[in-house]
Protein backbone atom coordinates (compact mmCIF):
# COMPACT_ATOMS: atom_id res chain seq x y z
CA MET A 1 45.58 39.74 200.76
CA SER A 2 49.29 38.51 200.71
CA PRO A 3 49.86 35.27 202.74
CA THR A 4 51.76 35.74 205.95
CA ALA A 5 53.36 33.46 208.32
CA THR A 6 50.50 33.73 210.60
CA ASP A 7 47.67 32.58 207.93
CA GLU A 8 45.87 29.44 209.39
CA THR A 9 45.51 27.67 206.31
CA SER A 10 46.40 24.05 207.61
CA THR A 11 43.46 21.62 208.34
CA PRO A 12 43.51 19.71 211.79
CA SER A 13 44.78 16.59 209.75
CA GLN A 14 47.73 18.22 208.33
CA THR A 15 49.00 19.59 211.45
CA ALA A 16 48.26 16.29 213.86
CA SER A 17 51.44 14.79 215.38
CA LEU A 18 53.02 11.78 213.24
CA THR A 19 53.71 8.72 215.49
CA SER A 20 57.11 7.38 215.13
CA ALA A 21 56.31 4.35 213.31
CA GLU A 22 54.56 6.89 210.77
CA VAL A 23 57.53 9.22 210.47
CA VAL A 24 59.60 6.10 209.76
CA GLN A 25 56.95 4.56 207.15
CA ILE A 26 56.38 7.60 205.44
CA THR A 27 60.47 8.23 204.89
CA LYS A 28 60.63 4.67 203.66
CA ASP A 29 57.74 4.92 201.11
CA THR A 30 58.54 8.45 199.94
CA ASN A 31 62.28 8.90 199.93
CA PHE A 32 65.59 7.36 198.59
CA GLY A 33 67.88 5.91 201.24
CA THR A 34 71.38 6.98 199.74
CA TRP A 35 74.14 4.33 198.73
CA ARG A 36 72.13 1.18 199.50
CA PHE A 37 69.44 -1.17 198.58
CA GLN A 38 65.92 0.31 199.34
CA LYS A 39 64.40 -2.80 200.48
CA GLY A 40 65.01 -3.42 204.45
CA TRP A 41 65.99 0.04 204.87
CA THR A 42 64.19 1.14 208.31
CA PRO A 43 65.80 4.60 209.22
CA LEU A 44 66.17 5.58 213.20
CA HIS A 45 63.88 8.13 213.98
CA ILE A 46 65.84 10.49 215.85
CA VAL A 47 64.17 13.35 217.79
CA ASP A 48 66.82 15.12 219.92
CA THR A 49 70.56 15.53 220.29
CA ASP A 50 72.83 17.11 222.72
CA GLY A 51 76.63 17.42 222.66
CA CYS A 52 78.10 13.86 221.54
CA THR A 53 74.61 12.16 221.93
CA ILE A 54 71.49 11.38 219.97
CA THR A 55 67.95 10.43 221.15
CA ASP A 56 65.58 8.37 219.16
CA ALA A 57 61.61 8.51 219.38
CA SER A 58 61.71 5.87 222.09
CA GLY A 59 63.79 7.92 224.41
CA LYS A 60 67.08 5.82 223.94
CA THR A 61 70.27 7.80 223.87
CA TYR A 62 73.04 7.06 221.67
CA LEU A 63 76.76 8.00 221.70
CA ASP A 64 77.43 9.66 218.18
CA PHE A 65 80.90 7.97 217.97
CA SER A 66 81.60 9.11 214.09
CA ALA A 67 80.01 12.78 214.43
CA GLN A 68 77.04 11.65 212.18
CA LEU A 69 78.86 11.57 208.77
CA MET A 70 82.28 12.57 210.18
CA CYS A 71 81.13 16.22 210.14
CA MET A 72 79.81 17.33 213.29
CA ASN A 73 82.90 18.53 214.99
CA LEU A 74 81.57 20.71 217.66
CA GLY A 75 78.93 18.40 218.47
CA HIS A 76 74.93 18.96 218.63
CA LYS A 77 73.32 21.97 219.97
CA ASN A 78 76.09 24.34 220.14
CA PRO A 79 74.32 27.55 221.37
CA ALA A 80 76.54 29.95 219.33
CA VAL A 81 75.99 28.46 216.00
CA ILE A 82 72.39 28.10 216.74
CA ALA A 83 72.01 31.86 217.38
CA SER A 84 73.93 32.76 214.47
CA ILE A 85 71.60 31.00 212.04
CA ALA A 86 68.66 32.67 213.86
CA LYS A 87 70.41 36.11 213.72
CA GLN A 88 71.29 35.91 210.20
CA ALA A 89 67.58 34.79 209.16
CA GLU A 90 66.27 37.70 210.85
CA GLU A 91 68.85 40.08 209.19
CA LEU A 92 69.35 38.79 205.72
CA ALA A 93 68.04 35.43 204.61
CA TYR A 94 69.53 35.56 201.02
CA ALA A 95 71.58 37.53 198.79
CA MET A 96 72.40 36.57 195.26
CA PRO A 97 76.18 35.86 194.78
CA GLY A 98 76.83 39.17 193.18
CA TYR A 99 76.34 41.04 196.30
CA ALA A 100 78.50 41.66 199.25
CA THR A 101 77.37 40.62 202.54
CA THR A 102 78.84 41.11 205.96
CA ALA A 103 78.72 37.55 206.62
CA ARG A 104 80.79 36.89 203.58
CA ALA A 105 83.32 39.26 204.48
CA GLU A 106 83.59 38.19 208.11
CA LEU A 107 84.17 34.42 206.99
CA SER A 108 86.67 35.34 204.26
CA LYS A 109 88.71 37.45 206.85
CA LEU A 110 88.45 34.39 209.26
CA LEU A 111 89.48 31.79 206.71
CA LEU A 112 92.53 33.88 206.01
CA ASP A 113 93.71 33.10 209.65
CA VAL A 114 92.96 29.10 209.50
CA LEU A 115 93.71 28.16 206.10
CA PRO A 116 97.33 27.26 204.96
CA GLU A 117 99.14 30.35 204.29
CA GLY A 118 98.63 31.52 200.74
CA LEU A 119 95.08 30.39 200.04
CA ASN A 120 93.52 33.57 199.88
CA ARG A 121 90.62 33.28 196.97
CA PHE A 122 87.53 31.74 197.90
CA PHE A 123 84.37 30.31 196.12
CA PHE A 124 81.90 29.14 198.27
CA THR A 125 79.41 25.94 197.45
CA THR A 126 76.74 24.13 199.48
CA SER A 127 78.59 20.80 199.67
CA GLY A 128 82.03 19.49 199.47
CA THR A 129 80.87 17.65 196.13
CA ASP A 130 80.27 21.12 194.78
CA ALA A 131 83.55 22.40 196.06
CA ASN A 132 85.20 19.72 194.36
CA GLU A 133 83.59 20.39 191.04
CA ALA A 134 84.70 24.10 191.30
CA ALA A 135 88.17 22.97 191.85
CA PHE A 136 88.05 20.83 188.58
CA LYS A 137 86.74 23.61 186.70
CA ILE A 138 89.09 26.23 188.12
CA ALA A 139 92.02 23.91 187.45
CA ARG A 140 91.06 23.08 183.97
CA MET A 141 90.45 26.97 183.08
CA TYR A 142 93.66 28.14 184.79
CA THR A 143 96.08 25.56 183.22
CA GLY A 144 94.24 25.16 180.03
CA LYS A 145 94.51 21.42 180.24
CA SER A 146 92.01 18.85 181.13
CA LYS A 147 92.95 15.78 182.83
CA ILE A 148 92.89 15.06 186.63
CA ILE A 149 94.69 12.17 188.35
CA ALA A 150 92.63 10.74 191.12
CA ARG A 151 93.48 7.86 193.45
CA TYR A 152 91.45 4.16 193.66
CA ARG A 153 90.87 4.44 197.51
CA SER A 154 88.88 7.97 197.28
CA TYR A 155 85.49 9.60 197.54
CA HIS A 156 85.04 13.18 196.07
CA GLY A 157 81.22 13.43 195.49
CA SER A 158 78.34 12.43 194.04
CA THR A 159 77.86 14.71 190.90
CA ALA A 160 78.96 13.93 187.49
CA GLY A 161 82.63 15.36 187.70
CA SER A 162 82.82 14.45 191.37
CA ILE A 163 81.70 10.72 191.00
CA ALA A 164 84.13 10.44 187.91
CA ALA A 165 87.09 11.39 190.09
CA THR A 166 86.07 8.92 192.92
CA GLY A 167 87.83 5.95 192.97
CA ASP A 168 85.50 3.75 195.38
CA PRO A 169 82.58 1.64 194.04
CA ARG A 170 80.36 4.59 194.08
CA ARG A 171 81.61 5.30 190.85
CA TRP A 172 80.68 1.89 189.42
CA ALA A 173 77.16 2.55 188.62
CA MET A 174 77.68 5.47 186.49
CA GLU A 175 80.38 3.69 184.17
CA PRO A 176 81.15 3.92 181.44
CA ARG A 177 80.13 7.60 181.12
CA GLY A 178 80.76 8.09 184.81
CA LYS A 179 84.48 7.49 184.41
CA GLY A 180 85.35 10.60 182.59
CA PRO A 181 86.15 12.36 180.39
CA GLY A 182 89.47 13.60 181.73
CA VAL A 183 89.87 11.40 184.79
CA ILE A 184 92.70 8.95 185.14
CA PHE A 185 93.43 6.80 188.58
CA GLY A 186 96.75 5.82 190.17
CA PRO A 187 97.62 4.08 193.38
CA GLU A 188 96.70 5.43 197.03
CA VAL A 189 99.16 5.43 199.54
CA HIS A 190 98.48 2.51 201.74
CA CYS A 191 101.44 1.47 203.68
CA TYR A 192 99.45 -1.30 205.39
CA LYS A 193 98.62 -2.90 202.12
CA CYS A 194 100.48 -1.06 199.55
CA PRO A 195 98.63 -1.61 195.96
CA ILE A 196 102.14 -1.66 194.32
CA ARG A 197 103.30 -4.33 196.68
CA HIS A 198 106.35 -2.15 198.02
CA THR A 199 107.19 -1.78 201.51
CA TYR A 200 107.67 1.38 203.64
CA PRO A 201 110.21 2.91 204.15
CA GLY A 202 112.62 0.91 201.72
CA CYS A 203 110.12 1.90 199.14
CA GLY A 204 111.41 5.57 198.78
CA ILE A 205 107.66 6.46 198.52
CA ALA A 206 107.22 4.81 195.07
CA CYS A 207 103.64 5.64 195.20
CA VAL A 208 104.27 9.16 194.17
CA ASP A 209 107.09 7.80 191.45
CA TYR A 210 104.11 6.11 190.05
CA LEU A 211 102.11 9.36 189.82
CA GLU A 212 105.02 11.19 188.63
CA HIS A 213 105.36 8.56 185.77
CA MET A 214 101.51 8.96 184.72
CA ILE A 215 102.05 12.77 184.69
CA ARG A 216 104.96 12.50 182.17
CA ASN A 217 103.34 9.80 180.05
CA GLU A 218 100.04 11.47 179.90
CA SER A 219 99.52 14.76 178.08
CA ASP A 220 97.26 17.60 179.23
CA VAL A 221 97.44 16.80 182.93
CA ALA A 222 95.74 19.92 184.80
CA ALA A 223 95.82 18.61 188.61
CA VAL A 224 96.56 15.80 190.93
CA LEU A 225 93.66 15.22 193.32
CA VAL A 226 94.15 13.68 196.67
CA GLU A 227 92.43 13.46 200.15
CA PRO A 228 95.41 14.28 202.48
CA ILE A 229 94.06 11.68 204.91
CA VAL A 230 91.77 9.38 202.93
CA GLY A 231 88.12 9.60 204.49
CA THR A 232 85.54 6.91 204.27
CA ASN A 233 87.61 4.59 202.56
CA GLY A 234 89.94 3.80 205.40
CA VAL A 235 91.32 6.98 207.16
CA ILE A 236 94.48 6.24 205.50
CA VAL A 237 97.36 8.31 206.71
CA PRO A 238 100.43 8.77 204.21
CA PRO A 239 103.99 8.73 205.66
CA ASP A 240 105.67 11.88 206.38
CA GLU A 241 107.62 12.02 203.10
CA TYR A 242 104.48 11.52 200.90
CA MET A 243 103.14 15.23 200.54
CA PRO A 244 106.41 17.05 200.13
CA LYS A 245 107.33 14.68 197.76
CA LEU A 246 104.27 15.05 195.80
CA ARG A 247 104.43 18.68 196.12
CA LYS A 248 107.75 18.71 194.42
CA VAL A 249 106.62 16.62 191.40
CA CYS A 250 103.76 18.78 190.83
CA ASP A 251 105.87 21.85 190.78
CA GLU A 252 108.31 20.28 188.66
CA THR A 253 105.71 19.11 185.94
CA GLY A 254 103.59 22.20 186.14
CA VAL A 255 100.58 20.37 187.69
CA LEU A 256 98.22 21.64 190.28
CA LEU A 257 97.82 19.75 193.73
CA ILE A 258 94.21 19.84 194.86
CA ALA A 259 93.66 18.74 198.42
CA ASP A 260 89.88 17.36 199.34
CA GLU A 261 89.93 18.20 203.03
CA VAL A 262 86.07 17.70 203.17
CA MET A 263 86.47 15.11 206.13
CA SER A 264 90.06 15.78 207.39
CA GLY A 265 89.82 19.58 207.90
CA TRP A 266 88.73 21.70 210.61
CA GLY A 267 90.64 20.03 213.25
CA ARG A 268 89.75 16.61 212.57
CA ALA A 269 93.24 15.55 212.46
CA GLY A 270 94.86 17.70 215.00
CA GLU A 271 95.63 20.61 212.81
CA TRP A 272 93.23 23.14 211.37
CA PHE A 273 93.73 21.02 208.19
CA ALA A 274 95.43 17.92 207.37
CA MET A 275 97.77 19.42 205.00
CA ASP A 276 99.29 21.41 208.00
CA LEU A 277 100.69 17.94 209.21
CA TRP A 278 103.44 18.04 206.52
CA GLY A 279 103.74 21.81 205.95
CA VAL A 280 102.41 21.49 202.52
CA LYS A 281 100.61 24.40 200.65
CA PRO A 282 98.22 22.60 198.02
CA ASP A 283 97.20 25.05 195.00
CA ILE A 284 93.63 24.30 195.72
CA LEU A 285 92.06 23.21 198.90
CA CYS A 286 88.39 22.08 199.11
CA THR A 287 86.60 21.48 202.15
CA ALA A 288 82.94 21.41 203.50
CA LYS A 289 81.54 19.41 206.60
CA GLY A 290 83.30 20.63 209.76
CA ILE A 291 83.05 24.36 208.01
CA THR A 292 79.99 24.84 209.84
CA SER A 293 79.82 21.77 212.07
CA ALA A 294 77.41 20.36 209.35
CA TYR A 295 74.51 22.67 210.94
CA VAL A 296 73.80 24.14 207.65
CA PRO A 297 75.22 22.77 204.20
CA LEU A 298 78.28 24.92 203.29
CA GLY A 299 81.66 24.09 201.12
CA ARG A 300 84.39 26.10 199.97
CA CYS A 301 87.14 26.00 197.35
CA ALA A 302 90.21 27.79 197.96
CA THR A 303 92.85 28.82 195.58
CA THR A 304 96.28 30.52 195.56
CA LYS A 305 96.44 34.22 194.75
CA ALA A 306 97.98 33.50 191.55
CA ILE A 307 95.13 31.31 190.69
CA GLY A 308 92.85 34.15 191.64
CA ASP A 309 94.79 36.69 189.83
CA TYR A 310 94.42 34.87 186.43
CA PHE A 311 90.62 35.52 186.47
CA GLN A 312 91.36 39.17 186.83
CA ASP A 313 91.76 39.18 183.09
CA HIS A 314 90.01 35.52 182.16
CA TYR A 315 86.45 34.73 182.24
CA PHE A 316 85.73 32.69 185.55
CA ALA A 317 82.92 30.31 183.90
CA HIS A 318 81.22 29.04 187.11
CA GLY A 319 78.49 29.95 189.84
CA HIS A 320 75.33 28.91 191.29
CA THR A 321 72.29 30.58 192.93
CA TYR A 322 73.26 29.73 196.44
CA GLU A 323 76.85 30.50 196.16
CA ALA A 324 78.08 32.73 199.25
CA HIS A 325 74.44 32.18 200.67
CA PRO A 326 74.44 34.33 203.90
CA MET A 327 72.35 31.69 205.90
CA THR A 328 75.38 29.33 205.34
CA LEU A 329 78.24 31.67 206.10
CA ALA A 330 77.21 33.05 209.22
CA PRO A 331 77.43 29.74 210.96
CA ALA A 332 80.76 28.93 209.74
CA VAL A 333 82.04 32.34 211.38
CA ALA A 334 80.40 31.21 214.54
CA THR A 335 81.65 27.87 214.10
CA ILE A 336 85.42 29.02 213.66
CA LYS A 337 85.00 31.19 216.72
CA GLU A 338 83.74 28.33 218.98
CA MET A 339 86.64 26.02 217.72
CA GLN A 340 89.16 28.77 218.57
CA ARG A 341 87.57 29.56 221.87
CA LEU A 342 87.06 25.98 222.89
CA GLY A 343 90.46 24.88 221.77
CA LEU A 344 89.40 22.06 219.79
CA VAL A 345 92.06 21.70 217.34
CA GLU A 346 94.43 21.43 220.26
CA ARG A 347 92.11 19.10 222.23
CA ALA A 348 91.93 16.56 218.96
CA ARG A 349 95.83 16.62 218.95
CA LYS A 350 95.87 15.96 222.74
CA LEU A 351 93.32 13.21 222.66
CA ALA A 352 95.10 11.36 219.74
CA PRO A 353 97.61 9.14 222.04
CA PHE A 354 94.76 8.26 224.15
CA VAL A 355 92.68 6.94 221.48
CA GLU A 356 95.84 5.14 219.52
CA GLU A 357 96.47 3.47 223.00
CA LYS A 358 92.94 2.22 223.31
CA LEU A 359 92.79 1.01 219.65
CA LEU A 360 96.12 -0.70 219.73
CA ALA A 361 94.94 -2.98 222.95
CA LEU A 362 92.17 -3.87 220.61
CA LYS A 363 94.64 -4.96 218.00
CA ALA A 364 96.56 -6.77 220.27
CA LYS A 365 93.45 -8.75 221.88
CA HIS A 366 91.33 -9.41 218.58
CA PRO A 367 92.77 -11.44 215.60
CA SER A 368 90.27 -9.84 213.21
CA VAL A 369 91.90 -6.36 213.81
CA GLY A 370 94.52 -6.07 211.06
CA ASP A 371 95.24 -2.30 211.41
CA VAL A 372 94.54 0.73 213.30
CA ARG A 373 95.56 3.97 211.96
CA GLY A 374 94.79 7.81 212.03
CA LYS A 375 95.60 11.38 213.53
CA GLY A 376 93.66 13.61 215.90
CA LEU A 377 90.30 12.29 216.36
CA PHE A 378 90.22 10.60 213.10
CA TRP A 379 90.92 6.88 213.10
CA ALA A 380 90.27 3.68 211.38
CA VAL A 381 89.86 0.21 212.74
CA ASP A 382 90.52 -2.25 209.98
CA LEU A 383 89.36 -6.16 210.33
CA VAL A 384 90.97 -8.73 208.34
CA LYS A 385 90.12 -12.56 208.29
CA ASP A 386 94.06 -13.17 208.36
CA GLN A 387 96.59 -10.96 210.08
CA LYS A 388 99.30 -12.54 207.98
CA THR A 389 97.74 -12.06 204.22
CA LYS A 390 95.64 -8.99 205.38
CA GLU A 391 92.71 -10.54 203.48
CA PRO A 392 89.61 -8.35 204.37
CA PHE A 393 86.13 -9.90 205.42
CA ASN A 394 84.38 -8.02 202.49
CA THR A 395 85.11 -6.03 199.46
CA TYR A 396 84.06 -3.37 197.48
CA THR A 397 82.12 -5.93 195.27
CA ASP A 398 80.48 -7.31 198.23
CA LYS A 399 79.12 -3.76 199.15
CA VAL A 400 77.54 -3.08 195.75
CA SER A 401 76.24 -6.45 195.24
CA GLY A 402 74.33 -6.30 198.44
CA LYS A 403 75.96 -9.06 200.33
CA PRO A 404 75.92 -8.74 204.24
CA LEU A 405 78.98 -7.27 205.49
CA LEU A 406 80.30 -8.20 208.75
CA VAL A 407 81.20 -4.63 209.71
CA ASP A 408 77.41 -3.61 209.40
CA GLN A 409 76.51 -6.61 211.65
CA ILE A 410 79.10 -5.37 214.16
CA ALA A 411 78.05 -1.97 214.06
CA ALA A 412 74.34 -2.90 214.48
CA LYS A 413 75.33 -4.58 217.64
CA CYS A 414 77.06 -1.58 218.94
CA MET A 415 74.12 0.61 218.00
CA ALA A 416 71.88 -1.83 220.14
CA ASP A 417 74.46 -1.05 223.04
CA GLY A 418 74.06 2.84 222.46
CA VAL A 419 76.84 3.61 220.25
CA ILE A 420 76.43 4.77 216.44
CA ILE A 421 79.70 3.98 214.62
CA GLN A 422 80.02 4.43 210.91
CA ALA A 423 81.38 0.99 209.08
CA TRP A 424 82.44 0.88 205.41
CA VAL A 425 83.27 -2.44 203.68
CA SER A 426 85.84 -3.93 206.19
CA HIS A 427 86.49 -1.29 208.55
CA PHE A 428 85.18 1.32 211.25
CA VAL A 429 85.83 4.97 211.18
CA ILE A 430 86.19 6.25 214.81
CA ALA A 431 85.64 10.03 214.40
CA PRO A 432 83.56 11.51 217.30
CA PRO A 433 82.89 15.34 217.83
CA LEU A 434 85.81 16.98 218.98
CA ILE A 435 84.28 18.06 222.31
CA VAL A 436 84.15 14.22 223.15
CA THR A 437 85.48 13.29 226.54
CA GLU A 438 87.78 10.37 227.54
CA GLU A 439 84.84 8.93 229.37
CA GLN A 440 83.08 8.78 226.07
CA LEU A 441 85.96 7.61 224.08
CA GLU A 442 86.30 4.70 226.43
CA GLN A 443 82.62 3.98 226.10
CA GLY A 444 82.81 3.92 222.39
CA ILE A 445 85.93 1.68 222.20
CA ALA A 446 84.74 -0.62 225.01
CA THR A 447 81.35 -1.25 223.21
CA LEU A 448 83.18 -2.08 219.95
CA ASP A 449 85.53 -4.26 221.84
CA ARG A 450 82.30 -6.46 222.96
CA HIS A 451 81.20 -7.15 219.54
CA LEU A 452 84.56 -7.76 217.76
CA GLY A 453 84.48 -11.43 218.92
CA MET A 454 81.68 -11.80 215.92
CA ALA A 455 84.92 -11.16 213.65
CA ASP A 456 87.29 -13.16 215.68
CA GLU A 457 85.35 -16.31 215.12
CA HIS A 458 85.61 -16.21 211.61
CA CYS A 459 89.39 -15.65 211.31
CA VAL A 460 91.80 -17.87 209.95
CA PRO A 461 93.88 -19.63 212.90
CA GLN A 462 97.46 -18.39 213.17
CA ALA A 463 99.93 -20.95 213.18
CA VAL A 464 101.78 -21.02 216.55
CA PRO A 465 105.62 -20.70 216.04
CA ALA A 466 107.45 -23.89 216.85
CA SER A 467 109.73 -22.23 219.52
CA THR A 468 106.47 -21.25 221.46
CA SER A 469 105.14 -24.59 221.48
CA GLU A 470 108.51 -26.29 222.46
CA THR A 471 108.44 -23.79 225.49
CA SER A 472 104.85 -24.43 226.39
CA ASP A 473 105.27 -28.17 226.30
CA SER A 474 108.29 -28.15 228.51
């Protein structure tokens, strides 16, 4: 007889409930913790979620102030998305990529409404990493060229091609093989601390001039790869002139522009996609995370019709077993409809001034806060030892060497006070679910405020201007 879902084959010992301590210990003993030294890893055992909150095994509730990994834009336990998963499982749990499915058609139709105009050919993946891998292959096949220009303050994924295009230290462990072939790095756009030591706006957006110089002095460049708003590496927002100028350079040199909107898309920055902030259309747009609010793993690589048409008569040399998996597509349909119903793109835009005001108050109060920046509900709080020199408390080298990071220590204090916030090297990423309330925003920022004194204590004392001293003495 064939086994069925109702067969009773488990022994009592196999089905007995695990204690929370056992759950944590088994996880530590048998799993790899990502991007970390394994020693000392004690993961939090979470057992429930709701809206913008997470509950651990002890019953303690936390505000999820970074939407897990900046991905749960709808928040936790959205009924419509949950129902779409169950319904799709009942109707059609899997179909190989060569078949058409209703979920595939419904999502493709919806994407035409929300993507930048002209992006209308899709390849579905299971992550942002995979979406970027598809983009690299498509760009190289379409142009017949091989080189990708990426930027240093960037993260594009962990597989061979995407980690090679990643500028941050997660690439370092793979070198020298991890750096290529075919990827070269240029400067990021970071007006707070310009890598080529210019000052905006007098610079004329020299960082784009630098990329143009690279294109014209490198042969065989297929594409320039950018996060429109840099994600984990600092929520770096370019000035308004940057994207239009980069688009013009790519057009003039025949190079494709690839936008990695894995993190900045799906309303996070106050538009459906961050590229919409500047009215610029990339040739290829990759995304993931918020496309299903992370309820199931889905990524997507979208191209222009011109690129899609090329493959009518040229072999499309890419694919994988789970491409266009119906169990991932149906929740994306539900997610987009819920975002539209709840007006979450507009909500992120509306709440941006409220968040900015609160964060600027932190900067005015704490000498350790060097910069705050962001769009919509996507913000960074950058910590520095010295506001004048902008020296950070920790560096990329500190991160990979295992040196204790001040931002991690502050994040731990916030967590003890019931707020989970993502920290990276020397800044915090504030990116709550788009359903967050003003009261929850105040709670999260106030909690961070309470613990920034840990950083203030280590700041370089700022000299008091002579005129101020004289006034005080009088």
